[in-house]
Amino acid sequence: MNFLAHAYLSFDIPHLVVGNFLGDFLRHSEAQALPPSIQEGIRLHRKIDTYTDSHPSVKEGTARIRTFHGKYAPVVVDMFYDYLLSAHWKEYHELPLPQFSRSVYGILESHLPIMPSRLQERVPRMIAGDWLTSYSTPDGMVYAFDRIKYRASKPEWFENAFQNLINNWDPFVADFSNFFPDLVQYVKAEIVGME
């Protein structure tokens, strides 16, 4: 899953929001230096990723586009799922997406002092670009894919990524509808286990 889904799957619990955001960015030694509650969020992030990668519907979607996107197919699917989550947002959260996003940004800003300096610089850029809400528009998705491809060793494998979602809309919506409720249940059970 990508930024929006990880934020949603923190269920408005601030330390999980922060840890879930940091999960992709920190080395083990950096994570170990953070408060235990933030480390819980990082562990949750990794469990979400493992569960996602092993789910049959996600595997099916990844296989569907592997010819076009090679080893980056799982990354592309993660980003598709943020778009689909935003498209079905009202089914999952009572706050409108822009209001939810502002809440997440506020939580991240309030925890900037505990983050490594590179993330203290990245979070304000994320907020300024409104990354969480940008996943809800085609232009935002195209821009996100353009950003990521310039950090990739094979940038050409991100070409036409959003178009491949449009071309396979019904199967990806079906995959997401099968997968995401399972993931929500899994994460809720994990959070209960942390208490």
N, C-alpha and C. Protein backbone atom coordinates (compact mmCIF):
# COMPACT_ATOMS: atom_id res chain seq x y z
N MET A 1 0.84 -1.17 0.00
CA MET A 1 0.00 0.00 0.00
C MET A 1 0.89 1.25 0.00
N ASN A 2 0.28 2.35 -0.38
CA ASN A 2 1.05 3.59 -0.48
C ASN A 2 0.62 4.57 0.62
N PHE A 3 1.03 5.83 0.52
CA PHE A 3 0.86 6.80 1.60
C PHE A 3 -0.57 6.90 2.13
N LEU A 4 -1.54 7.03 1.23
CA LEU A 4 -2.92 7.24 1.68
C LEU A 4 -3.43 6.02 2.44
N ALA A 5 -3.21 4.85 1.90
CA ALA A 5 -3.71 3.65 2.56
C ALA A 5 -3.04 3.45 3.92
N HIS A 6 -1.75 3.67 4.01
CA HIS A 6 -1.07 3.52 5.30
C HIS A 6 -1.60 4.54 6.31
N ALA A 7 -1.89 5.74 5.86
CA ALA A 7 -2.46 6.74 6.77
C ALA A 7 -3.85 6.30 7.23
N TYR A 8 -4.67 5.85 6.30
CA TYR A 8 -6.02 5.40 6.65
C TYR A 8 -5.95 4.23 7.64
N LEU A 9 -5.05 3.29 7.38
CA LEU A 9 -4.95 2.06 8.19
C LEU A 9 -4.33 2.31 9.57
N SER A 10 -4.04 3.55 9.88
CA SER A 10 -3.61 3.92 11.23
C SER A 10 -4.81 4.26 12.12
N PHE A 11 -5.98 4.36 11.51
CA PHE A 11 -7.25 4.57 12.20
C PHE A 11 -7.19 5.74 13.18
N ASP A 12 -6.60 6.83 12.72
CA ASP A 12 -6.59 8.11 13.46
C ASP A 12 -5.85 8.03 14.80
N ILE A 13 -4.98 7.06 14.96
CA ILE A 13 -4.17 6.91 16.17
C ILE A 13 -2.82 7.57 15.88
N PRO A 14 -2.51 8.69 16.52
CA PRO A 14 -1.35 9.49 16.11
C PRO A 14 -0.04 8.72 16.03
N HIS A 15 0.32 7.91 17.03
CA HIS A 15 1.62 7.24 16.95
C HIS A 15 1.66 6.21 15.82
N LEU A 16 0.49 5.66 15.47
CA LEU A 16 0.46 4.74 14.33
C LEU A 16 0.54 5.50 13.01
N VAL A 17 -0.09 6.67 12.95
CA VAL A 17 0.03 7.51 11.74
C VAL A 17 1.51 7.80 11.46
N VAL A 18 2.23 8.21 12.50
CA VAL A 18 3.64 8.57 12.33
C VAL A 18 4.48 7.35 11.95
N GLY A 19 4.33 6.28 12.70
CA GLY A 19 5.11 5.07 12.41
C GLY A 19 4.79 4.49 11.05
N ASN A 20 3.51 4.51 10.68
CA ASN A 20 3.10 3.99 9.38
C ASN A 20 3.69 4.82 8.25
N PHE A 21 3.81 6.13 8.46
CA PHE A 21 4.44 6.99 7.47
C PHE A 21 5.94 6.70 7.38
N LEU A 22 6.58 6.55 8.52
CA LEU A 22 8.03 6.39 8.56
C LEU A 22 8.51 5.02 8.06
N GLY A 23 7.61 4.05 8.02
CA GLY A 23 7.99 2.67 7.74
C GLY A 23 8.84 2.44 6.51
N ASP A 24 8.61 3.22 5.46
CA ASP A 24 9.38 3.03 4.22
C ASP A 24 10.70 3.78 4.20
N PHE A 25 10.92 4.66 5.17
CA PHE A 25 12.03 5.59 5.06
C PHE A 25 13.19 5.34 6.01
N LEU A 26 12.98 4.58 7.07
CA LEU A 26 13.99 4.49 8.12
C LEU A 26 14.80 3.21 8.05
N ARG A 27 16.08 3.35 8.33
CA ARG A 27 16.93 2.19 8.55
C ARG A 27 16.60 1.62 9.93
N HIS A 28 16.96 0.37 10.14
CA HIS A 28 16.64 -0.30 11.40
C HIS A 28 17.18 0.47 12.60
N SER A 29 18.41 0.95 12.50
CA SER A 29 19.01 1.67 13.63
C SER A 29 18.26 2.96 13.93
N GLU A 30 17.76 3.63 12.88
CA GLU A 30 16.98 4.85 13.08
C GLU A 30 15.65 4.54 13.77
N ALA A 31 15.01 3.46 13.34
CA ALA A 31 13.73 3.07 13.94
C ALA A 31 13.91 2.73 15.41
N GLN A 32 15.01 2.05 15.73
CA GLN A 32 15.25 1.64 17.11
C GLN A 32 15.44 2.82 18.05
N ALA A 33 15.82 3.96 17.51
CA ALA A 33 16.06 5.16 18.34
C ALA A 33 14.77 5.92 18.65
N LEU A 34 13.66 5.53 18.04
CA LEU A 34 12.40 6.25 18.22
C LEU A 34 11.63 5.71 19.42
N PRO A 35 10.65 6.48 19.92
CA PRO A 35 9.84 6.00 21.04
C PRO A 35 9.15 4.67 20.70
N PRO A 36 8.94 3.81 21.68
CA PRO A 36 8.32 2.49 21.43
C PRO A 36 6.98 2.57 20.70
N SER A 37 6.18 3.59 21.00
CA SER A 37 4.87 3.68 20.34
C SER A 37 5.02 3.93 18.84
N ILE A 38 6.01 4.73 18.45
CA ILE A 38 6.27 4.97 17.02
C ILE A 38 6.80 3.70 16.37
N GLN A 39 7.63 2.96 17.10
CA GLN A 39 8.13 1.68 16.58
C GLN A 39 6.97 0.72 16.31
N GLU A 40 5.92 0.77 17.14
CA GLU A 40 4.73 -0.05 16.88
C GLU A 40 4.13 0.28 15.52
N GLY A 41 4.06 1.57 15.21
CA GLY A 41 3.53 1.99 13.91
C GLY A 41 4.39 1.53 12.76
N ILE A 42 5.70 1.53 12.96
CA ILE A 42 6.61 1.04 11.91
C ILE A 42 6.42 -0.46 11.70
N ARG A 43 6.30 -1.20 12.80
CA ARG A 43 6.05 -2.65 12.68
C ARG A 43 4.71 -2.91 11.98
N LEU A 44 3.70 -2.10 12.30
CA LEU A 44 2.40 -2.25 11.64
C LEU A 44 2.54 -2.00 10.14
N HIS A 45 3.28 -0.97 9.78
CA HIS A 45 3.51 -0.68 8.36
C HIS A 45 4.08 -1.92 7.65
N ARG A 46 5.05 -2.54 8.26
CA ARG A 46 5.69 -3.70 7.62
C ARG A 46 4.75 -4.90 7.54
N LYS A 47 3.92 -5.07 8.56
CA LYS A 47 2.92 -6.15 8.53
C LYS A 47 1.90 -5.90 7.42
N ILE A 48 1.50 -4.64 7.26
CA ILE A 48 0.57 -4.30 6.18
C ILE A 48 1.19 -4.65 4.83
N ASP A 49 2.45 -4.29 4.63
CA ASP A 49 3.11 -4.59 3.35
C ASP A 49 3.20 -6.09 3.10
N THR A 50 3.55 -6.84 4.14
CA THR A 50 3.67 -8.30 3.98
C THR A 50 2.32 -8.92 3.66
N TYR A 51 1.29 -8.50 4.39
CA TYR A 51 -0.06 -9.03 4.14
C TYR A 51 -0.50 -8.69 2.71
N THR A 52 -0.28 -7.45 2.31
CA THR A 52 -0.68 -7.00 0.98
C THR A 52 0.00 -7.83 -0.10
N ASP A 53 1.30 -8.00 0.01
CA ASP A 53 2.05 -8.73 -1.03
C ASP A 53 1.63 -10.19 -1.14
N SER A 54 1.08 -10.75 -0.07
CA SER A 54 0.72 -12.17 -0.09
C SER A 54 -0.75 -12.42 -0.43
N HIS A 55 -1.55 -11.36 -0.55
CA HIS A 55 -2.99 -11.55 -0.80
C HIS A 55 -3.23 -11.97 -2.25
N PRO A 56 -4.07 -12.99 -2.47
CA PRO A 56 -4.30 -13.49 -3.84
C PRO A 56 -4.78 -12.42 -4.82
N SER A 57 -5.64 -11.51 -4.40
CA SER A 57 -6.14 -10.48 -5.32
C SER A 57 -5.03 -9.52 -5.73
N VAL A 58 -4.14 -9.21 -4.80
CA VAL A 58 -3.01 -8.33 -5.12
C VAL A 58 -2.06 -9.04 -6.08
N LYS A 59 -1.80 -10.31 -5.82
CA LYS A 59 -0.93 -11.08 -6.71
C LYS A 59 -1.50 -11.13 -8.13
N GLU A 60 -2.81 -11.28 -8.20
CA GLU A 60 -3.45 -11.34 -9.52
C GLU A 60 -3.30 -10.01 -10.26
N GLY A 61 -3.52 -8.90 -9.55
CA GLY A 61 -3.37 -7.59 -10.17
C GLY A 61 -1.94 -7.32 -10.59
N THR A 62 -0.99 -7.74 -9.76
CA THR A 62 0.42 -7.55 -10.09
C THR A 62 0.79 -8.34 -11.33
N ALA A 63 0.30 -9.59 -11.41
CA ALA A 63 0.59 -10.41 -12.59
C ALA A 63 -0.01 -9.80 -13.85
N ARG A 64 -1.14 -9.15 -13.71
CA ARG A 64 -1.85 -8.56 -14.86
C ARG A 64 -0.99 -7.49 -15.57
N ILE A 65 -0.15 -6.79 -14.81
CA ILE A 65 0.61 -5.68 -15.42
C ILE A 65 2.12 -5.93 -15.43
N ARG A 66 2.54 -7.13 -15.01
CA ARG A 66 3.99 -7.38 -14.94
C ARG A 66 4.67 -7.23 -16.29
N THR A 67 4.00 -7.60 -17.36
CA THR A 67 4.58 -7.46 -18.70
C THR A 67 4.96 -6.01 -18.98
N PHE A 68 4.15 -5.07 -18.49
CA PHE A 68 4.38 -3.65 -18.76
C PHE A 68 5.34 -3.00 -17.76
N HIS A 69 5.31 -3.49 -16.50
CA HIS A 69 6.01 -2.77 -15.44
C HIS A 69 7.07 -3.59 -14.71
N GLY A 70 7.31 -4.81 -15.16
CA GLY A 70 8.39 -5.62 -14.64
C GLY A 70 8.42 -5.70 -13.13
N LYS A 71 9.61 -5.54 -12.56
CA LYS A 71 9.79 -5.67 -11.12
C LYS A 71 9.06 -4.57 -10.34
N TYR A 72 8.64 -3.50 -11.05
CA TYR A 72 7.93 -2.41 -10.39
C TYR A 72 6.41 -2.62 -10.35
N ALA A 73 5.94 -3.73 -10.90
CA ALA A 73 4.49 -3.98 -10.92
C ALA A 73 3.87 -3.89 -9.52
N PRO A 74 4.50 -4.44 -8.45
CA PRO A 74 3.89 -4.29 -7.12
C PRO A 74 3.79 -2.83 -6.67
N VAL A 75 4.78 -2.00 -7.02
CA VAL A 75 4.75 -0.58 -6.67
C VAL A 75 3.60 0.11 -7.40
N VAL A 76 3.44 -0.20 -8.67
CA VAL A 76 2.37 0.38 -9.47
C VAL A 76 1.01 0.00 -8.89
N VAL A 77 0.85 -1.26 -8.52
CA VAL A 77 -0.42 -1.70 -7.93
C VAL A 77 -0.69 -0.98 -6.61
N ASP A 78 0.35 -0.83 -5.77
CA ASP A 78 0.17 -0.08 -4.52
C ASP A 78 -0.38 1.32 -4.79
N MET A 79 0.15 1.97 -5.81
CA MET A 79 -0.30 3.32 -6.13
C MET A 79 -1.71 3.31 -6.72
N PHE A 80 -2.02 2.29 -7.53
CA PHE A 80 -3.39 2.14 -8.03
C PHE A 80 -4.36 2.06 -6.85
N TYR A 81 -3.98 1.30 -5.84
CA TYR A 81 -4.88 1.08 -4.72
C TYR A 81 -5.12 2.36 -3.93
N ASP A 82 -4.14 3.25 -3.85
CA ASP A 82 -4.40 4.55 -3.23
C ASP A 82 -5.44 5.32 -4.04
N TYR A 83 -5.34 5.26 -5.36
CA TYR A 83 -6.31 5.93 -6.21
C TYR A 83 -7.71 5.33 -6.00
N LEU A 84 -7.78 4.01 -5.94
CA LEU A 84 -9.07 3.35 -5.75
C LEU A 84 -9.63 3.61 -4.36
N LEU A 85 -8.76 3.68 -3.35
CA LEU A 85 -9.22 4.03 -2.01
C LEU A 85 -9.81 5.44 -2.02
N SER A 86 -9.13 6.37 -2.67
CA SER A 86 -9.67 7.75 -2.71
C SER A 86 -10.98 7.79 -3.49
N ALA A 87 -11.10 6.96 -4.53
CA ALA A 87 -12.34 6.92 -5.33
C ALA A 87 -13.51 6.37 -4.52
N HIS A 88 -13.23 5.52 -3.53
CA HIS A 88 -14.27 4.91 -2.70
C HIS A 88 -14.19 5.42 -1.26
N TRP A 89 -13.60 6.59 -1.07
CA TRP A 89 -13.28 7.09 0.26
C TRP A 89 -14.48 7.13 1.19
N LYS A 90 -15.63 7.56 0.69
CA LYS A 90 -16.82 7.71 1.55
C LYS A 90 -17.26 6.39 2.16
N GLU A 91 -16.87 5.29 1.55
CA GLU A 91 -17.23 3.97 2.10
C GLU A 91 -16.37 3.62 3.31
N TYR A 92 -15.24 4.32 3.48
CA TYR A 92 -14.28 3.91 4.50
C TYR A 92 -14.10 4.92 5.63
N HIS A 93 -14.33 6.19 5.38
CA HIS A 93 -14.05 7.20 6.42
C HIS A 93 -15.13 8.26 6.42
N GLU A 94 -15.50 8.71 7.63
CA GLU A 94 -16.57 9.71 7.72
C GLU A 94 -16.10 11.11 7.36
N LEU A 95 -14.80 11.40 7.49
CA LEU A 95 -14.28 12.71 7.11
C LEU A 95 -14.06 12.78 5.60
N PRO A 96 -14.34 13.91 4.98
CA PRO A 96 -13.94 14.06 3.57
C PRO A 96 -12.42 13.94 3.45
N LEU A 97 -11.98 13.46 2.31
CA LEU A 97 -10.55 13.21 2.12
C LEU A 97 -9.67 14.44 2.40
N PRO A 98 -10.03 15.64 1.93
CA PRO A 98 -9.17 16.80 2.25
C PRO A 98 -9.04 17.05 3.75
N GLN A 99 -10.12 16.87 4.48
CA GLN A 99 -10.07 17.09 5.94
C GLN A 99 -9.24 16.00 6.62
N PHE A 100 -9.41 14.76 6.18
CA PHE A 100 -8.59 13.66 6.70
C PHE A 100 -7.11 13.95 6.44
N SER A 101 -6.80 14.38 5.24
CA SER A 101 -5.40 14.66 4.86
C SER A 101 -4.80 15.75 5.74
N ARG A 102 -5.57 16.81 5.99
CA ARG A 102 -5.06 17.89 6.85
C ARG A 102 -4.78 17.37 8.26
N SER A 103 -5.63 16.46 8.74
CA SER A 103 -5.41 15.87 10.07
C SER A 103 -4.10 15.08 10.11
N VAL A 104 -3.87 14.28 9.07
CA VAL A 104 -2.63 13.49 8.99
C VAL A 104 -1.43 14.41 8.93
N TYR A 105 -1.50 15.46 8.10
CA TYR A 105 -0.38 16.39 7.99
C TYR A 105 -0.08 17.04 9.33
N GLY A 106 -1.12 17.39 10.08
CA GLY A 106 -0.92 17.99 11.39
C GLY A 106 -0.21 17.06 12.35
N ILE A 107 -0.58 15.78 12.32
CA ILE A 107 0.08 14.79 13.17
C ILE A 107 1.55 14.65 12.78
N LEU A 108 1.82 14.58 11.49
CA LEU A 108 3.21 14.45 11.03
C LEU A 108 4.03 15.69 11.41
N GLU A 109 3.45 16.86 11.21
CA GLU A 109 4.17 18.09 11.56
C GLU A 109 4.51 18.13 13.05
N SER A 110 3.59 17.68 13.89
CA SER A 110 3.83 17.75 15.33
C SER A 110 4.91 16.76 15.77
N HIS A 111 5.23 15.80 14.91
CA HIS A 111 6.27 14.81 15.23
C HIS A 111 7.57 15.04 14.45
N LEU A 112 7.66 16.14 13.73
CA LEU A 112 8.88 16.42 12.97
C LEU A 112 10.15 16.36 13.81
N PRO A 113 10.15 16.86 15.06
CA PRO A 113 11.40 16.86 15.83
C PRO A 113 12.01 15.47 16.05
N ILE A 114 11.20 14.42 16.01
CA ILE A 114 11.78 13.08 16.24
C ILE A 114 12.23 12.42 14.93
N MET A 115 11.95 13.06 13.81
CA MET A 115 12.28 12.46 12.51
C MET A 115 13.70 12.84 12.09
N PRO A 116 14.36 11.96 11.31
CA PRO A 116 15.66 12.32 10.73
C PRO A 116 15.54 13.59 9.88
N SER A 117 16.63 14.30 9.73
CA SER A 117 16.59 15.60 9.05
C SER A 117 16.07 15.49 7.62
N ARG A 118 16.40 14.41 6.91
CA ARG A 118 15.92 14.30 5.54
C ARG A 118 14.40 14.25 5.48
N LEU A 119 13.76 13.67 6.51
CA LEU A 119 12.30 13.62 6.54
C LEU A 119 11.72 14.93 7.07
N GLN A 120 12.48 15.64 7.89
CA GLN A 120 12.02 16.96 8.31
C GLN A 120 11.92 17.89 7.11
N GLU A 121 12.69 17.61 6.06
CA GLU A 121 12.60 18.38 4.82
C GLU A 121 11.51 17.83 3.91
N ARG A 122 11.32 16.51 3.90
CA ARG A 122 10.37 15.88 2.98
C ARG A 122 8.92 16.12 3.40
N VAL A 123 8.63 16.05 4.69
CA VAL A 123 7.24 16.18 5.14
C VAL A 123 6.64 17.53 4.71
N PRO A 124 7.34 18.66 4.90
CA PRO A 124 6.75 19.92 4.41
C PRO A 124 6.50 19.93 2.90
N ARG A 125 7.36 19.26 2.12
CA ARG A 125 7.11 19.16 0.67
C ARG A 125 5.87 18.32 0.40
N MET A 126 5.72 17.25 1.17
CA MET A 126 4.53 16.40 1.04
C MET A 126 3.26 17.21 1.31
N ILE A 127 3.31 18.01 2.38
CA ILE A 127 2.15 18.81 2.76
C ILE A 127 1.87 19.88 1.70
N ALA A 128 2.93 20.56 1.26
CA ALA A 128 2.77 21.61 0.25
C ALA A 128 2.18 21.05 -1.04
N GLY A 129 2.59 19.84 -1.40
CA GLY A 129 2.07 19.19 -2.60
C GLY A 129 0.77 18.44 -2.38
N ASP A 130 0.33 18.40 -1.12
CA ASP A 130 -0.91 17.70 -0.74
C ASP A 130 -0.95 16.30 -1.36
N TRP A 131 0.11 15.52 -1.09
CA TRP A 131 0.24 14.21 -1.72
C TRP A 131 -0.94 13.30 -1.45
N LEU A 132 -1.48 13.31 -0.25
CA LEU A 132 -2.56 12.37 0.07
C LEU A 132 -3.80 12.63 -0.77
N THR A 133 -4.15 13.90 -0.94
CA THR A 133 -5.32 14.22 -1.75
C THR A 133 -5.02 14.11 -3.24
N SER A 134 -3.77 14.32 -3.62
CA SER A 134 -3.43 14.29 -5.04
C SER A 134 -3.64 12.91 -5.66
N TYR A 135 -3.62 11.86 -4.83
CA TYR A 135 -3.86 10.51 -5.36
C TYR A 135 -5.30 10.33 -5.83
N SER A 136 -6.17 11.30 -5.59
CA SER A 136 -7.57 11.16 -5.96
C SER A 136 -7.86 11.66 -7.37
N THR A 137 -6.86 12.20 -8.06
CA THR A 137 -7.09 12.74 -9.41
C THR A 137 -6.17 12.05 -10.42
N PRO A 138 -6.64 11.90 -11.66
CA PRO A 138 -5.75 11.34 -12.70
C PRO A 138 -4.46 12.13 -12.85
N ASP A 139 -4.54 13.46 -12.87
CA ASP A 139 -3.32 14.27 -13.01
C ASP A 139 -2.37 14.04 -11.84
N GLY A 140 -2.92 13.91 -10.63
CA GLY A 140 -2.10 13.65 -9.46
C GLY A 140 -1.39 12.32 -9.56
N MET A 141 -2.08 11.32 -10.08
CA MET A 141 -1.47 10.00 -10.22
C MET A 141 -0.37 10.02 -11.29
N VAL A 142 -0.63 10.66 -12.39
CA VAL A 142 0.39 10.75 -13.45
C VAL A 142 1.62 11.46 -12.91
N TYR A 143 1.40 12.53 -12.15
CA TYR A 143 2.52 13.26 -11.55
C TYR A 143 3.29 12.38 -10.56
N ALA A 144 2.56 11.60 -9.76
CA ALA A 144 3.21 10.71 -8.78
C ALA A 144 4.06 9.67 -9.50
N PHE A 145 3.55 9.11 -10.58
CA PHE A 145 4.34 8.14 -11.34
C PHE A 145 5.56 8.80 -11.98
N ASP A 146 5.40 10.03 -12.44
CA ASP A 146 6.55 10.75 -13.01
C ASP A 146 7.62 10.99 -11.95
N ARG A 147 7.19 11.33 -10.71
CA ARG A 147 8.15 11.55 -9.62
C ARG A 147 8.92 10.29 -9.31
N ILE A 148 8.21 9.17 -9.23
CA ILE A 148 8.85 7.94 -8.78
C ILE A 148 9.78 7.36 -9.85
N LYS A 149 9.42 7.56 -11.10
CA LYS A 149 10.23 6.91 -12.14
C LYS A 149 11.65 7.48 -12.22
N TYR A 150 11.82 8.74 -11.79
CA TYR A 150 13.15 9.33 -11.85
C TYR A 150 14.07 8.84 -10.73
N ARG A 151 13.49 8.09 -9.77
CA ARG A 151 14.32 7.46 -8.74
C ARG A 151 14.54 5.98 -9.03
N ALA A 152 13.98 5.49 -10.12
CA ALA A 152 14.02 4.06 -10.44
C ALA A 152 15.20 3.74 -11.35
N SER A 153 15.71 2.51 -11.19
CA SER A 153 16.81 2.09 -12.07
C SER A 153 16.32 1.80 -13.49
N LYS A 154 15.04 1.52 -13.65
CA LYS A 154 14.43 1.28 -14.97
C LYS A 154 13.21 2.19 -15.11
N PRO A 155 13.42 3.50 -15.28
CA PRO A 155 12.28 4.42 -15.31
C PRO A 155 11.26 4.11 -16.39
N GLU A 156 11.71 3.49 -17.48
CA GLU A 156 10.78 3.18 -18.57
C GLU A 156 9.67 2.22 -18.13
N TRP A 157 9.89 1.47 -17.05
CA TRP A 157 8.87 0.53 -16.58
C TRP A 157 7.72 1.22 -15.85
N PHE A 158 7.82 2.53 -15.69
CA PHE A 158 6.69 3.28 -15.14
C PHE A 158 5.90 4.01 -16.23
N GLU A 159 6.33 3.87 -17.49
CA GLU A 159 5.62 4.53 -18.58
C GLU A 159 4.19 4.00 -18.68
N ASN A 160 3.26 4.91 -18.92
CA ASN A 160 1.84 4.57 -19.12
C ASN A 160 1.21 3.82 -17.95
N ALA A 161 1.76 4.00 -16.76
CA ALA A 161 1.25 3.25 -15.60
C ALA A 161 -0.21 3.58 -15.33
N PHE A 162 -0.55 4.85 -15.27
CA PHE A 162 -1.94 5.18 -14.96
C PHE A 162 -2.87 4.71 -16.07
N GLN A 163 -2.43 4.77 -17.31
CA GLN A 163 -3.25 4.29 -18.42
C GLN A 163 -3.55 2.80 -18.27
N ASN A 164 -2.61 2.04 -17.72
CA ASN A 164 -2.85 0.61 -17.50
C ASN A 164 -3.91 0.36 -16.45
N LEU A 165 -4.05 1.27 -15.49
CA LEU A 165 -5.17 1.17 -14.55
C LEU A 165 -6.48 1.42 -15.28
N ILE A 166 -6.53 2.46 -16.08
CA ILE A 166 -7.76 2.79 -16.82
C ILE A 166 -8.12 1.64 -17.77
N ASN A 167 -7.12 1.09 -18.44
CA ASN A 167 -7.38 0.00 -19.40
C ASN A 167 -7.88 -1.27 -18.72
N ASN A 168 -7.57 -1.43 -17.44
CA ASN A 168 -7.96 -2.63 -16.69
C ASN A 168 -8.82 -2.26 -15.49
N TRP A 169 -9.64 -1.22 -15.66
CA TRP A 169 -10.38 -0.65 -14.54
C TRP A 169 -11.22 -1.69 -13.79
N ASP A 170 -12.08 -2.40 -14.50
CA ASP A 170 -12.99 -3.33 -13.82
C ASP A 170 -12.25 -4.43 -13.06
N PRO A 171 -11.24 -5.06 -13.65
CA PRO A 171 -10.51 -6.08 -12.87
C PRO A 171 -9.81 -5.50 -11.64
N PHE A 172 -9.24 -4.29 -11.75
CA PHE A 172 -8.56 -3.71 -10.58
C PHE A 172 -9.56 -3.30 -9.50
N VAL A 173 -10.70 -2.79 -9.90
CA VAL A 173 -11.74 -2.48 -8.90
C VAL A 173 -12.18 -3.75 -8.19
N ALA A 174 -12.34 -4.84 -8.95
CA ALA A 174 -12.72 -6.12 -8.33
C ALA A 174 -11.63 -6.61 -7.39
N ASP A 175 -10.37 -6.51 -7.81
CA ASP A 175 -9.25 -6.92 -6.93
C ASP A 175 -9.28 -6.13 -5.63
N PHE A 176 -9.42 -4.81 -5.77
CA PHE A 176 -9.41 -3.93 -4.60
C PHE A 176 -10.59 -4.25 -3.68
N SER A 177 -11.75 -4.47 -4.26
CA SER A 177 -12.95 -4.78 -3.46
C SER A 177 -12.81 -6.10 -2.71
N ASN A 178 -12.09 -7.04 -3.30
CA ASN A 178 -11.85 -8.32 -2.62
C ASN A 178 -10.79 -8.20 -1.53
N PHE A 179 -9.80 -7.39 -1.81
CA PHE A 179 -8.62 -7.31 -0.94
C PHE A 179 -8.77 -6.35 0.23
N PHE A 180 -9.23 -5.12 -0.03
CA PHE A 180 -9.10 -4.07 0.98
C PHE A 180 -9.91 -4.36 2.25
N PRO A 181 -11.14 -4.85 2.16
CA PRO A 181 -11.85 -5.19 3.40
C PRO A 181 -11.11 -6.26 4.22
N ASP A 182 -10.46 -7.21 3.55
CA ASP A 182 -9.66 -8.21 4.27
C ASP A 182 -8.50 -7.54 5.00
N LEU A 183 -7.86 -6.59 4.33
CA LEU A 183 -6.74 -5.88 4.94
C LEU A 183 -7.20 -5.07 6.15
N VAL A 184 -8.33 -4.40 6.02
CA VAL A 184 -8.87 -3.61 7.13
C VAL A 184 -9.10 -4.49 8.35
N GLN A 185 -9.72 -5.65 8.14
CA GLN A 185 -9.96 -6.58 9.25
C GLN A 185 -8.66 -7.05 9.88
N TYR A 186 -7.69 -7.37 9.04
CA TYR A 186 -6.38 -7.83 9.52
C TYR A 186 -5.73 -6.75 10.39
N VAL A 187 -5.72 -5.51 9.91
CA VAL A 187 -5.06 -4.43 10.63
C VAL A 187 -5.78 -4.14 11.95
N LYS A 188 -7.09 -4.14 11.93
CA LYS A 188 -7.83 -3.91 13.19
C LYS A 188 -7.48 -4.97 14.23
N ALA A 189 -7.35 -6.20 13.79
CA ALA A 189 -6.98 -7.28 14.72
C ALA A 189 -5.55 -7.08 15.24
N GLU A 190 -4.65 -6.62 14.39
CA GLU A 190 -3.27 -6.35 14.81
C GLU A 190 -3.23 -5.22 15.85
N ILE A 191 -4.04 -4.20 15.64
CA ILE A 191 -4.05 -3.08 16.57
C ILE A 191 -4.60 -3.51 17.92
N VAL A 192 -5.65 -4.31 17.90
CA VAL A 192 -6.18 -4.85 19.17
C VAL A 192 -5.11 -5.65 19.89
N GLY A 193 -4.31 -6.41 19.14
CA GLY A 193 -3.23 -7.21 19.73
C GLY A 193 -2.13 -6.38 20.34
N MET A 194 -2.01 -5.12 19.93
CA MET A 194 -0.98 -4.23 20.48
C MET A 194 -1.39 -3.68 21.84
N GLU A 195 -2.69 -3.67 22.11
CA GLU A 195 -3.18 -3.02 23.34
C GLU A 195 -2.87 -3.83 24.58
